[in-house]
Amino acid sequence: MDTSYEALLRRLYQGDRALSRNRNFWLYEQPAMRRAARSFRRLKSVERDLLRYGPQGQVTVEVVGDSSWLRVVIASPNYRRVTRLSWAEVTLLHEHPGLKGVLPEPALGLGA
């Protein structure tokens, strides 16, 4: 099993039931898995906000600094959220079928 942060985050985000906390308690003790689980919860929260506020609001994706991070801004009349995501996290959001047309691509293109 690939236990790198990005591989674990991808498996969590895609709903891999094989990563059950009860069956893999040893895996959840690893720093990469703890980081991936934290990022997964934040990513699901951003996804919910994009699905709820994105279609009627304005969503922008900006490259921050050295281009290793992206700033995602969700703005609607009654809501505003600014969050910082990695390229890998934005790539996962772009793969979500419900977010097609809601989440714009950053100016440099994904994975640049």
PDB file of N, CA and C in Angstrom:
ATOM      1  N   MET A   1       0.844  -1.176   0.000  1.00  0.00           N
ATOM      2  CA  MET A   1       0.000   0.000   0.000  1.00  0.00           C
ATOM      3  C   MET A   1       0.888   1.238   0.000  1.00  0.00           C
ATOM      4  N   ASP A   2       0.587   2.175  -0.899  1.00  0.00           N
ATOM      5  CA  ASP A   2       1.331   3.428  -0.963  1.00  0.00           C
ATOM      6  C   ASP A   2       0.881   4.303   0.197  1.00  0.00           C
ATOM      7  N   THR A   3       1.802   4.634   1.089  1.00  0.00           N
ATOM      8  CA  THR A   3       1.444   5.422   2.263  1.00  0.00           C
ATOM      9  C   THR A   3       1.934   6.856   2.161  1.00  0.00           C
ATOM     10  N   SER A   4       2.155   7.345   0.949  1.00  0.00           N
ATOM     11  CA  SER A   4       2.524   8.751   0.813  1.00  0.00           C
ATOM     12  C   SER A   4       1.290   9.610   1.058  1.00  0.00           C
ATOM     13  N   TYR A   5       1.512  10.836   1.461  1.00  0.00           N
ATOM     14  CA  TYR A   5       0.418  11.751   1.785  1.00  0.00           C
ATOM     15  C   TYR A   5      -0.576  11.888   0.633  1.00  0.00           C
ATOM     16  N   GLU A   6      -0.084  12.167  -0.570  1.00  0.00           N
ATOM     17  CA  GLU A   6      -0.981  12.398  -1.702  1.00  0.00           C
ATOM     18  C   GLU A   6      -1.769  11.143  -2.072  1.00  0.00           C
ATOM     19  N   ALA A   7      -1.145   9.979  -2.004  1.00  0.00           N
ATOM     20  CA  ALA A   7      -1.849   8.737  -2.321  1.00  0.00           C
ATOM     21  C   ALA A   7      -2.940   8.457  -1.288  1.00  0.00           C
ATOM     22  N   LEU A   8      -2.634   8.694  -0.020  1.00  0.00           N
ATOM     23  CA  LEU A   8      -3.628   8.476   1.028  1.00  0.00           C
ATOM     24  C   LEU A   8      -4.782   9.467   0.896  1.00  0.00           C
ATOM     25  N   LEU A   9      -4.471  10.735   0.607  1.00  0.00           N
ATOM     26  CA  LEU A   9      -5.516  11.736   0.433  1.00  0.00           C
ATOM     27  C   LEU A   9      -6.419  11.368  -0.738  1.00  0.00           C
ATOM     28  N   ARG A  10      -5.829  10.939  -1.850  1.00  0.00           N
ATOM     29  CA  ARG A  10      -6.624  10.531  -3.021  1.00  0.00           C
ATOM     30  C   ARG A  10      -7.543   9.358  -2.664  1.00  0.00           C
ATOM     31  N   ARG A  11      -7.021   8.373  -1.949  1.00  0.00           N
ATOM     32  CA  ARG A  11      -7.841   7.209  -1.581  1.00  0.00           C
ATOM     33  C   ARG A  11      -8.972   7.606  -0.643  1.00  0.00           C
ATOM     34  N   LEU A  12      -8.699   8.487   0.311  1.00  0.00           N
ATOM     35  CA  LEU A  12      -9.749   8.956   1.212  1.00  0.00           C
ATOM     36  C   LEU A  12     -10.815   9.728   0.441  1.00  0.00           C
ATOM     37  N   TYR A  13     -10.376  10.627  -0.428  1.00  0.00           N
ATOM     38  CA  TYR A  13     -11.310  11.489  -1.151  1.00  0.00           C
ATOM     39  C   TYR A  13     -12.174  10.691  -2.127  1.00  0.00           C
ATOM     40  N   GLN A  14     -11.629   9.649  -2.690  1.00  0.00           N
ATOM     41  CA  GLN A  14     -12.391   8.829  -3.629  1.00  0.00           C
ATOM     42  C   GLN A  14     -13.262   7.794  -2.921  1.00  0.00           C
ATOM     43  N   GLY A  15     -13.263   7.810  -1.601  1.00  0.00           N
ATOM     44  CA  GLY A  15     -14.159   6.957  -0.834  1.00  0.00           C
ATOM     45  C   GLY A  15     -13.700   5.521  -0.696  1.00  0.00           C
ATOM     46  N   ASP A  16     -12.415   5.306  -0.586  1.00  0.00           N
ATOM     47  CA  ASP A  16     -11.880   3.947  -0.443  1.00  0.00           C
ATOM     48  C   ASP A  16     -12.253   3.396   0.931  1.00  0.00           C
ATOM     49  N   ARG A  17     -13.172   2.437   0.946  1.00  0.00           N
ATOM     50  CA  ARG A  17     -13.628   1.831   2.201  1.00  0.00           C
ATOM     51  C   ARG A  17     -12.543   0.964   2.846  1.00  0.00           C
ATOM     52  N   ALA A  18     -11.524   0.617   2.107  1.00  0.00           N
ATOM     53  CA  ALA A  18     -10.451  -0.215   2.651  1.00  0.00           C
ATOM     54  C   ALA A  18      -9.613   0.539   3.679  1.00  0.00           C
ATOM     55  N   LEU A  19      -9.789   1.859   3.761  1.00  0.00           N
ATOM     56  CA  LEU A  19      -9.029   2.649   4.732  1.00  0.00           C
ATOM     57  C   LEU A  19      -9.825   2.884   6.018  1.00  0.00           C
ATOM     58  N   SER A  20     -10.633   1.931   6.396  1.00  0.00           N
ATOM     59  CA  SER A  20     -11.407   2.029   7.628  1.00  0.00           C
ATOM     60  C   SER A  20     -10.468   2.232   8.815  1.00  0.00           C
ATOM     61  N   ARG A  21     -10.839   3.150   9.681  1.00  0.00           N
ATOM     62  CA  ARG A  21     -10.023   3.428  10.862  1.00  0.00           C
ATOM     63  C   ARG A  21      -9.947   2.206  11.781  1.00  0.00           C
ATOM     64  N   ASN A  22     -11.014   1.447  11.869  1.00  0.00           N
ATOM     65  CA  ASN A  22     -11.022   0.268  12.749  1.00  0.00           C
ATOM     66  C   ASN A  22     -10.092  -0.824  12.242  1.00  0.00           C
ATOM     67  N   ARG A  23     -10.083  -1.059  10.925  1.00  0.00           N
ATOM     68  CA  ARG A  23      -9.245  -2.118  10.372  1.00  0.00           C
ATOM     69  C   ARG A  23      -7.782  -1.715  10.258  1.00  0.00           C
ATOM     70  N   ASN A  24      -7.533  -0.440  10.105  1.00  0.00           N
ATOM     71  CA  ASN A  24      -6.169   0.053   9.853  1.00  0.00           C
ATOM     72  C   ASN A  24      -5.726   1.038  10.921  1.00  0.00           C
ATOM     73  N   PHE A  25      -5.978   0.723  12.179  1.00  0.00           N
ATOM     74  CA  PHE A  25      -5.627   1.650  13.245  1.00  0.00           C
ATOM     75  C   PHE A  25      -4.144   2.002  13.220  1.00  0.00           C
ATOM     76  N   TRP A  26      -3.304   1.068  12.830  1.00  0.00           N
ATOM     77  CA  TRP A  26      -1.851   1.305  12.758  1.00  0.00           C
ATOM     78  C   TRP A  26      -1.526   2.375  11.724  1.00  0.00           C
ATOM     79  N   LEU A  27      -2.298   2.416  10.640  1.00  0.00           N
ATOM     80  CA  LEU A  27      -2.052   3.397   9.583  1.00  0.00           C
ATOM     81  C   LEU A  27      -2.379   4.808  10.066  1.00  0.00           C
ATOM     82  N   TYR A  28      -3.422   4.933  10.884  1.00  0.00           N
ATOM     83  CA  TYR A  28      -3.825   6.247  11.389  1.00  0.00           C
ATOM     84  C   TYR A  28      -2.859   6.790  12.438  1.00  0.00           C
ATOM     85  N   GLU A  29      -1.895   5.987  12.855  1.00  0.00           N
ATOM     86  CA  GLU A  29      -0.858   6.469  13.762  1.00  0.00           C
ATOM     87  C   GLU A  29       0.294   7.109  12.998  1.00  0.00           C
ATOM     88  N   GLN A  30       0.344   6.927  11.687  1.00  0.00           N
ATOM     89  CA  GLN A  30       1.417   7.479  10.854  1.00  0.00           C
ATOM     90  C   GLN A  30       1.168   8.968  10.594  1.00  0.00           C
ATOM     91  N   PRO A  31       2.216   9.799  10.632  1.00  0.00           N
ATOM     92  CA  PRO A  31       2.049  11.234  10.386  1.00  0.00           C
ATOM     93  C   PRO A  31       1.425  11.554   9.024  1.00  0.00           C
ATOM     94  N   ALA A  32       1.783  10.800   7.989  1.00  0.00           N
ATOM     95  CA  ALA A  32       1.230  11.070   6.655  1.00  0.00           C
ATOM     96  C   ALA A  32      -0.280  10.833   6.638  1.00  0.00           C
ATOM     97  N   MET A  33      -0.743   9.806   7.336  1.00  0.00           N
ATOM     98  CA  MET A  33      -2.178   9.521   7.366  1.00  0.00           C
ATOM     99  C   MET A  33      -2.922  10.550   8.200  1.00  0.00           C
ATOM    100  N   ARG A  34      -2.345  10.975   9.308  1.00  0.00           N
ATOM    101  CA  ARG A  34      -2.997  12.011  10.119  1.00  0.00           C
ATOM    102  C   ARG A  34      -3.138  13.291   9.308  1.00  0.00           C
ATOM    103  N   ARG A  35      -2.093  13.637   8.564  1.00  0.00           N
ATOM    104  CA  ARG A  35      -2.134  14.836   7.713  1.00  0.00           C
ATOM    105  C   ARG A  35      -3.174  14.665   6.603  1.00  0.00           C
ATOM    106  N   ALA A  36      -3.209  13.494   5.980  1.00  0.00           N
ATOM    107  CA  ALA A  36      -4.172  13.228   4.909  1.00  0.00           C
ATOM    108  C   ALA A  36      -5.606  13.274   5.445  1.00  0.00           C
ATOM    109  N   ALA A  37      -5.844  12.740   6.631  1.00  0.00           N
ATOM    110  CA  ALA A  37      -7.187  12.750   7.218  1.00  0.00           C
ATOM    111  C   ALA A  37      -7.633  14.182   7.513  1.00  0.00           C
ATOM    112  N   ARG A  38      -6.716  15.008   8.021  1.00  0.00           N
ATOM    113  CA  ARG A  38      -7.039  16.422   8.274  1.00  0.00           C
ATOM    114  C   ARG A  38      -7.356  17.144   6.975  1.00  0.00           C
ATOM    115  N   SER A  39      -6.527  16.921   5.957  1.00  0.00           N
ATOM    116  CA  SER A  39      -6.742  17.554   4.654  1.00  0.00           C
ATOM    117  C   SER A  39      -8.039  17.070   4.015  1.00  0.00           C
ATOM    118  N   PHE A  40      -8.350  15.794   4.186  1.00  0.00           N
ATOM    119  CA  PHE A  40      -9.583  15.230   3.642  1.00  0.00           C
ATOM    120  C   PHE A  40     -10.805  15.931   4.225  1.00  0.00           C
ATOM    121  N   ARG A  41     -10.825  16.122   5.538  1.00  0.00           N
ATOM    122  CA  ARG A  41     -11.964  16.790   6.171  1.00  0.00           C
ATOM    123  C   ARG A  41     -12.107  18.222   5.652  1.00  0.00           C
ATOM    124  N   ARG A  42     -10.990  18.923   5.509  1.00  0.00           N
ATOM    125  CA  ARG A  42     -11.031  20.298   4.994  1.00  0.00           C
ATOM    126  C   ARG A  42     -11.475  20.320   3.541  1.00  0.00           C
ATOM    127  N   LEU A  43     -10.994  19.368   2.752  1.00  0.00           N
ATOM    128  CA  LEU A  43     -11.340  19.292   1.339  1.00  0.00           C
ATOM    129  C   LEU A  43     -12.830  19.003   1.154  1.00  0.00           C
ATOM    130  N   LYS A  44     -13.388  18.111   1.972  1.00  0.00           N
ATOM    131  CA  LYS A  44     -14.822  17.831   1.890  1.00  0.00           C
ATOM    132  C   LYS A  44     -15.639  19.064   2.276  1.00  0.00           C
ATOM    133  N   SER A  45     -15.157  19.846   3.215  1.00  0.00           N
ATOM    134  CA  SER A  45     -15.834  21.080   3.608  1.00  0.00           C
ATOM    135  C   SER A  45     -15.814  22.097   2.464  1.00  0.00           C
ATOM    136  N   VAL A  46     -14.666  22.230   1.800  1.00  0.00           N
ATOM    137  CA  VAL A  46     -14.571  23.134   0.651  1.00  0.00           C
ATOM    138  C   VAL A  46     -15.493  22.642  -0.465  1.00  0.00           C
ATOM    139  N   GLU A  47     -15.520  21.339  -0.685  1.00  0.00           N
ATOM    140  CA  GLU A  47     -16.400  20.759  -1.710  1.00  0.00           C
ATOM    141  C   GLU A  47     -17.865  21.110  -1.425  1.00  0.00           C
ATOM    142  N   ARG A  48     -18.299  20.938  -0.174  1.00  0.00           N
ATOM    143  CA  ARG A  48     -19.685  21.270   0.191  1.00  0.00           C
ATOM    144  C   ARG A  48     -19.975  22.744  -0.066  1.00  0.00           C
ATOM    145  N   ASP A  49     -19.036  23.613   0.285  1.00  0.00           N
ATOM    146  CA  ASP A  49     -19.237  25.044   0.067  1.00  0.00           C
ATOM    147  C   ASP A  49     -19.287  25.380  -1.415  1.00  0.00           C
ATOM    148  N   LEU A  50     -18.436  24.751  -2.212  1.00  0.00           N
ATOM    149  CA  LEU A  50     -18.461  24.985  -3.657  1.00  0.00           C
ATOM    150  C   LEU A  50     -19.786  24.532  -4.259  1.00  0.00           C
ATOM    151  N   LEU A  51     -20.285  23.386  -3.832  1.00  0.00           N
ATOM    152  CA  LEU A  51     -21.550  22.886  -4.353  1.00  0.00           C
ATOM    153  C   LEU A  51     -22.722  23.769  -3.916  1.00  0.00           C
ATOM    154  N   ARG A  52     -22.636  24.305  -2.708  1.00  0.00           N
ATOM    155  CA  ARG A  52     -23.739  25.117  -2.190  1.00  0.00           C
ATOM    156  C   ARG A  52     -23.693  26.557  -2.688  1.00  0.00           C
ATOM    157  N   TYR A  53     -22.525  27.201  -2.628  1.00  0.00           N
ATOM    158  CA  TYR A  53     -22.432  28.628  -2.936  1.00  0.00           C
ATOM    159  C   TYR A  53     -21.802  28.927  -4.289  1.00  0.00           C
ATOM    160  N   GLY A  54     -21.054  27.975  -4.844  1.00  0.00           N
ATOM    161  CA  GLY A  54     -20.341  28.222  -6.091  1.00  0.00           C
ATOM    162  C   GLY A  54     -21.204  28.572  -7.279  1.00  0.00           C
ATOM    163  N   PRO A  55     -22.288  27.809  -7.535  1.00  0.00           N
ATOM    164  CA  PRO A  55     -23.075  28.084  -8.735  1.00  0.00           C
ATOM    165  C   PRO A  55     -23.680  29.489  -8.777  1.00  0.00           C
ATOM    166  N   GLN A  56     -24.129  30.034  -7.646  1.00  0.00           N
ATOM    167  CA  GLN A  56     -24.729  31.366  -7.671  1.00  0.00           C
ATOM    168  C   GLN A  56     -23.738  32.460  -7.303  1.00  0.00           C
ATOM    169  N   GLY A  57     -22.554  32.089  -6.851  1.00  0.00           N
ATOM    170  CA  GLY A  57     -21.562  33.077  -6.438  1.00  0.00           C
ATOM    171  C   GLY A  57     -20.406  33.164  -7.404  1.00  0.00           C
ATOM    172  N   GLN A  58     -19.317  33.679  -6.893  1.00  0.00           N
ATOM    173  CA  GLN A  58     -18.103  33.825  -7.697  1.00  0.00           C
ATOM    174  C   GLN A  58     -16.998  33.014  -7.031  1.00  0.00           C
ATOM    175  N   VAL A  59     -16.323  32.197  -7.826  1.00  0.00           N
ATOM    176  CA  VAL A  59     -15.226  31.374  -7.324  1.00  0.00           C
ATOM    177  C   VAL A  59     -13.980  31.753  -8.098  1.00  0.00           C
ATOM    178  N   THR A  60     -12.909  32.078  -7.386  1.00  0.00           N
ATOM    179  CA  THR A  60     -11.644  32.387  -8.041  1.00  0.00           C
ATOM    180  C   THR A  60     -10.552  31.490  -7.477  1.00  0.00           C
ATOM    181  N   VAL A  61      -9.611  31.158  -8.323  1.00  0.00           N
ATOM    182  CA  VAL A  61      -8.449  30.353  -7.923  1.00  0.00           C
ATOM    183  C   VAL A  61      -7.220  31.139  -8.322  1.00  0.00           C
ATOM    184  N   GLU A  62      -6.374  31.466  -7.360  1.00  0.00           N
ATOM    185  CA  GLU A  62      -5.177  32.274  -7.605  1.00  0.00           C
ATOM    186  C   GLU A  62      -3.939  31.513  -7.162  1.00  0.00           C
ATOM    187  N   VAL A  63      -2.860  31.686  -7.888  1.00  0.00           N
ATOM    188  CA  VAL A  63      -1.583  31.098  -7.500  1.00  0.00           C
ATOM    189  C   VAL A  63      -0.972  31.991  -6.418  1.00  0.00           C
ATOM    190  N   VAL A  64      -0.496  31.373  -5.350  1.00  0.00           N
ATOM    191  CA  VAL A  64       0.083  32.117  -4.230  1.00  0.00           C
ATOM    192  C   VAL A  64       1.593  31.944  -4.232  1.00  0.00           C
ATOM    193  N   GLY A  65       2.298  33.037  -4.194  1.00  0.00           N
ATOM    194  CA  GLY A  65       3.748  33.015  -4.035  1.00  0.00           C
ATOM    195  C   GLY A  65       4.489  32.177  -5.042  1.00  0.00           C
ATOM    196  N   ASP A  66       5.159  31.134  -4.550  1.00  0.00           N
ATOM    197  CA  ASP A  66       6.024  30.306  -5.392  1.00  0.00           C
ATOM    198  C   ASP A  66       5.253  29.256  -6.183  1.00  0.00           C
ATOM    199  N   SER A  67       3.952  29.385  -6.273  1.00  0.00           N
ATOM    200  CA  SER A  67       3.053  28.524  -7.043  1.00  0.00           C
ATOM    201  C   SER A  67       2.912  27.106  -6.492  1.00  0.00           C
ATOM    202  N   SER A  68       3.319  26.874  -5.252  1.00  0.00           N
ATOM    203  CA  SER A  68       3.084  25.558  -4.670  1.00  0.00           C
ATOM    204  C   SER A  68       1.737  25.517  -3.952  1.00  0.00           C
ATOM    205  N   TRP A  69       1.107  26.676  -3.784  1.00  0.00           N
ATOM    206  CA  TRP A  69      -0.197  26.768  -3.127  1.00  0.00           C
ATOM    207  C   TRP A  69      -1.144  27.592  -3.977  1.00  0.00           C
ATOM    208  N   LEU A  70      -2.429  27.326  -3.827  1.00  0.00           N
ATOM    209  CA  LEU A  70      -3.463  28.069  -4.526  1.00  0.00           C
ATOM    210  C   LEU A  70      -4.435  28.642  -3.499  1.00  0.00           C
ATOM    211  N   ARG A  71      -4.912  29.841  -3.754  1.00  0.00           N
ATOM    212  CA  ARG A  71      -5.927  30.459  -2.893  1.00  0.00           C
ATOM    213  C   ARG A  71      -7.260  30.316  -3.615  1.00  0.00           C
ATOM    214  N   VAL A  72      -8.217  29.702  -2.951  1.00  0.00           N
ATOM    215  CA  VAL A  72      -9.556  29.543  -3.510  1.00  0.00           C
ATOM    216  C   VAL A  72     -10.489  30.462  -2.731  1.00  0.00           C
ATOM    217  N   VAL A  73     -11.182  31.344  -3.446  1.00  0.00           N
ATOM    218  CA  VAL A  73     -12.103  32.293  -2.830  1.00  0.00           C
ATOM    219  C   VAL A  73     -13.505  31.970  -3.334  1.00  0.00           C
ATOM    220  N   ILE A  74     -14.417  31.717  -2.398  1.00  0.00           N
ATOM    221  CA  ILE A  74     -15.823  31.478  -2.715  1.00  0.00           C
ATOM    222  C   ILE A  74     -16.588  32.672  -2.170  1.00  0.00           C
ATOM    223  N   ALA A  75     -17.250  33.408  -3.042  1.00  0.00           N
ATOM    224  CA  ALA A  75     -17.971  34.605  -2.608  1.00  0.00           C
ATOM    225  C   ALA A  75     -19.386  34.576  -3.170  1.00  0.00           C
ATOM    226  N   SER A  76     -20.359  34.735  -2.305  1.00  0.00           N
ATOM    227  CA  SER A  76     -21.749  34.881  -2.707  1.00  0.00           C
ATOM    228  C   SER A  76     -22.317  36.029  -1.865  1.00  0.00           C
ATOM    229  N   PRO A  77     -23.539  36.452  -2.123  1.00  0.00           N
ATOM    230  CA  PRO A  77     -24.061  37.607  -1.373  1.00  0.00           C
ATOM    231  C   PRO A  77     -24.014  37.456   0.146  1.00  0.00           C
ATOM    232  N   ASN A  78     -24.217  36.240   0.665  1.00  0.00           N
ATOM    233  CA  ASN A  78     -24.273  36.049   2.119  1.00  0.00           C
ATOM    234  C   ASN A  78     -23.138  35.201   2.677  1.00  0.00           C
ATOM    235  N   TYR A  79     -22.116  34.944   1.873  1.00  0.00           N
ATOM    236  CA  TYR A  79     -21.078  34.011   2.315  1.00  0.00           C
ATOM    237  C   TYR A  79     -19.763  34.335   1.632  1.00  0.00           C
ATOM    238  N   ARG A  80     -18.667  34.158   2.381  1.00  0.00           N
ATOM    239  CA  ARG A  80     -17.330  34.308   1.799  1.00  0.00           C
ATOM    240  C   ARG A  80     -16.396  33.337   2.512  1.00  0.00           C
ATOM    241  N   ARG A  81     -15.623  32.607   1.724  1.00  0.00           N
ATOM    242  CA  ARG A  81     -14.637  31.684   2.276  1.00  0.00           C
ATOM    243  C   ARG A  81     -13.364  31.825   1.461  1.00  0.00           C
ATOM    244  N   VAL A  82     -12.258  31.935   2.172  1.00  0.00           N
ATOM    245  CA  VAL A  82     -10.943  31.972   1.538  1.00  0.00           C
ATOM    246  C   VAL A  82     -10.142  30.829   2.147  1.00  0.00           C
ATOM    247  N   THR A  83      -9.591  29.978   1.311  1.00  0.00           N
ATOM    248  CA  THR A  83      -8.811  28.852   1.806  1.00  0.00           C
ATOM    249  C   THR A  83      -7.591  28.645   0.927  1.00  0.00           C
ATOM    250  N   ARG A  84      -6.582  28.035   1.486  1.00  0.00           N
ATOM    251  CA  ARG A  84      -5.344  27.748   0.758  1.00  0.00           C
ATOM    252  C   ARG A  84      -5.265  26.245   0.543  1.00  0.00           C
ATOM    253  N   LEU A  85      -5.126  25.847  -0.727  1.00  0.00           N
ATOM    254  CA  LEU A  85      -5.062  24.439  -1.082  1.00  0.00           C
ATOM    255  C   LEU A  85      -3.804  24.160  -1.883  1.00  0.00           C
ATOM    256  N   SER A  86      -3.344  22.931  -1.808  1.00  0.00           N
ATOM    257  CA  SER A  86      -2.194  22.519  -2.620  1.00  0.00           C
ATOM    258  C   SER A  86      -2.687  22.177  -4.025  1.00  0.00           C
ATOM    259  N   TRP A  87      -1.752  22.029  -4.955  1.00  0.00           N
ATOM    260  CA  TRP A  87      -2.106  21.634  -6.317  1.00  0.00           C
ATOM    261  C   TRP A  87      -2.822  20.289  -6.311  1.00  0.00           C
ATOM    262  N   ALA A  88      -2.360  19.353  -5.486  1.00  0.00           N
ATOM    263  CA  ALA A  88      -2.971  18.020  -5.429  1.00  0.00           C
ATOM    264  C   ALA A  88      -4.424  18.107  -4.965  1.00  0.00           C
ATOM    265  N   GLU A  89      -4.695  18.962  -3.986  1.00  0.00           N
ATOM    266  CA  GLU A  89      -6.060  19.112  -3.480  1.00  0.00           C
ATOM    267  C   GLU A  89      -6.971  19.738  -4.530  1.00  0.00           C
ATOM    268  N   VAL A  90      -6.483  20.751  -5.237  1.00  0.00           N
ATOM    269  CA  VAL A  90      -7.293  21.377  -6.288  1.00  0.00           C
ATOM    270  C   VAL A  90      -7.535  20.390  -7.429  1.00  0.00           C
ATOM    271  N   THR A  91      -6.545  19.567  -7.735  1.00  0.00           N
ATOM    272  CA  THR A  91      -6.712  18.545  -8.772  1.00  0.00           C
ATOM    273  C   THR A  91      -7.830  17.578  -8.387  1.00  0.00           C
ATOM    274  N   LEU A  92      -7.881  17.155  -7.125  1.00  0.00           N
ATOM    275  CA  LEU A  92      -8.950  16.270  -6.670  1.00  0.00           C
ATOM    276  C   LEU A  92     -10.314  16.939  -6.804  1.00  0.00           C
ATOM    277  N   LEU A  93     -10.402  18.227  -6.464  1.00  0.00           N
ATOM    278  CA  LEU A  93     -11.671  18.941  -6.609  1.00  0.00           C
ATOM    279  C   LEU A  93     -12.080  19.034  -8.077  1.00  0.00           C
ATOM    280  N   HIS A  94     -11.106  19.236  -8.965  1.00  0.00           N
ATOM    281  CA  HIS A  94     -11.409  19.321 -10.401  1.00  0.00           C
ATOM    282  C   HIS A  94     -11.942  17.995 -10.934  1.00  0.00           C
ATOM    283  N   GLU A  95     -11.579  16.883 -10.313  1.00  0.00           N
ATOM    284  CA  GLU A  95     -12.039  15.571 -10.765  1.00  0.00           C
ATOM    285  C   GLU A  95     -13.457  15.259 -10.298  1.00  0.00           C
ATOM    286  N   HIS A  96     -13.997  16.060  -9.393  1.00  0.00           N
ATOM    287  CA  HIS A  96     -15.351  15.837  -8.883  1.00  0.00           C
ATOM    288  C   HIS A  96     -16.368  16.198  -9.967  1.00  0.00           C
ATOM    289  N   PRO A  97     -17.255  15.266 -10.343  1.00  0.00           N
ATOM    290  CA  PRO A  97     -18.181  15.540 -11.440  1.00  0.00           C
ATOM    291  C   PRO A  97     -19.159  16.683 -11.158  1.00  0.00           C
ATOM    292  N   GLY A  98     -19.532  16.901  -9.909  1.00  0.00           N
ATOM    293  CA  GLY A  98     -20.470  17.967  -9.571  1.00  0.00           C
ATOM    294  C   GLY A  98     -19.871  19.357  -9.603  1.00  0.00           C
ATOM    295  N   LEU A  99     -18.554  19.445  -9.684  1.00  0.00           N
ATOM    296  CA  LEU A  99     -17.888  20.751  -9.664  1.00  0.00           C
ATOM    297  C   LEU A  99     -17.456  21.217 -11.044  1.00  0.00           C
ATOM    298  N   LYS A 100     -17.813  20.466 -12.080  1.00  0.00           N
ATOM    299  CA  LYS A 100     -17.465  20.895 -13.442  1.00  0.00           C
ATOM    300  C   LYS A 100     -18.162  22.228 -13.727  1.00  0.00           C
ATOM    301  N   GLY A 101     -17.404  23.208 -14.133  1.00  0.00           N
ATOM    302  CA  GLY A 101     -17.957  24.517 -14.444  1.00  0.00           C
ATOM    303  C   GLY A 101     -18.069  25.446 -13.243  1.00  0.00           C
ATOM    304  N   VAL A 102     -17.876  24.924 -12.026  1.00  0.00           N
ATOM    305  CA  VAL A 102     -17.967  25.759 -10.826  1.00  0.00           C
ATOM    306  C   VAL A 102     -16.586  26.237 -10.403  1.00  0.00           C
ATOM    307  N   LEU A 103     -15.625  25.338 -10.446  1.00  0.00           N
ATOM    308  CA  LEU A 103     -14.266  25.638 -10.008  1.00  0.00           C
ATOM    309  C   LEU A 103     -13.392  25.959 -11.211  1.00  0.00           C
ATOM    310  N   PRO A 104     -12.990  27.225 -11.369  1.00  0.00           N
ATOM    311  CA  PRO A 104     -12.142  27.568 -12.522  1.00  0.00           C
ATOM    312  C   PRO A 104     -10.721  27.046 -12.343  1.00  0.00           C
ATOM    313  N   GLU A 105     -10.027  26.864 -13.448  1.00  0.00           N
ATOM    314  CA  GLU A 105      -8.628  26.438 -13.396  1.00  0.00           C
ATOM    315  C   GLU A 105      -7.752  27.649 -13.119  1.00  0.00           C
ATOM    316  N   PRO A 106      -6.670  27.463 -12.369  1.00  0.00           N
ATOM    317  CA  PRO A 106      -5.758  28.583 -12.133  1.00  0.00           C
ATOM    318  C   PRO A 106      -5.075  28.991 -13.427  1.00  0.00           C
ATOM    319  N   ALA A 107      -4.547  30.200 -13.434  1.00  0.00           N
ATOM    320  CA  ALA A 107      -3.962  30.777 -14.651  1.00  0.00           C
ATOM    321  C   ALA A 107      -2.833  29.935 -15.217  1.00  0.00           C
ATOM    322  N   LEU A 108      -2.032  29.292 -14.376  1.00  0.00           N
ATOM    323  CA  LEU A 108      -0.894  28.536 -14.860  1.00  0.00           C
ATOM    324  C   LEU A 108      -1.253  27.117 -15.290  1.00  0.00           C
ATOM    325  N   GLY A 109      -2.464  26.694 -15.068  1.00  0.00           N
ATOM    326  CA  GLY A 109      -2.850  25.330 -15.413  1.00  0.00           C
ATOM    327  C   GLY A 109      -2.523  24.386 -14.268  1.00  0.00           C
ATOM    328  N   LEU A 110      -3.240  23.313 -14.167  1.00  0.00           N
ATOM    329  CA  LEU A 110      -3.019  22.370 -13.070  1.00  0.00           C
ATOM    330  C   LEU A 110      -1.700  21.640 -13.216  1.00  0.00           C
ATOM    331  N   GLY A 111      -1.057  21.494 -12.082  1.00  0.00           N
ATOM    332  CA  GLY A 111       0.177  20.722 -12.028  1.00  0.00           C
ATOM    333  C   GLY A 111       1.381  21.469 -12.559  1.00  0.00           C
ATOM    334  N   ALA A 112       1.258  22.769 -12.771  1.00  0.00           N
ATOM    335  CA  ALA A 112       2.393  23.536 -13.305  1.00  0.00           C
ATOM    336  C   ALA A 112       3.465  23.672 -12.271  1.00  0.00           C
TER     337      ALA A 112
END
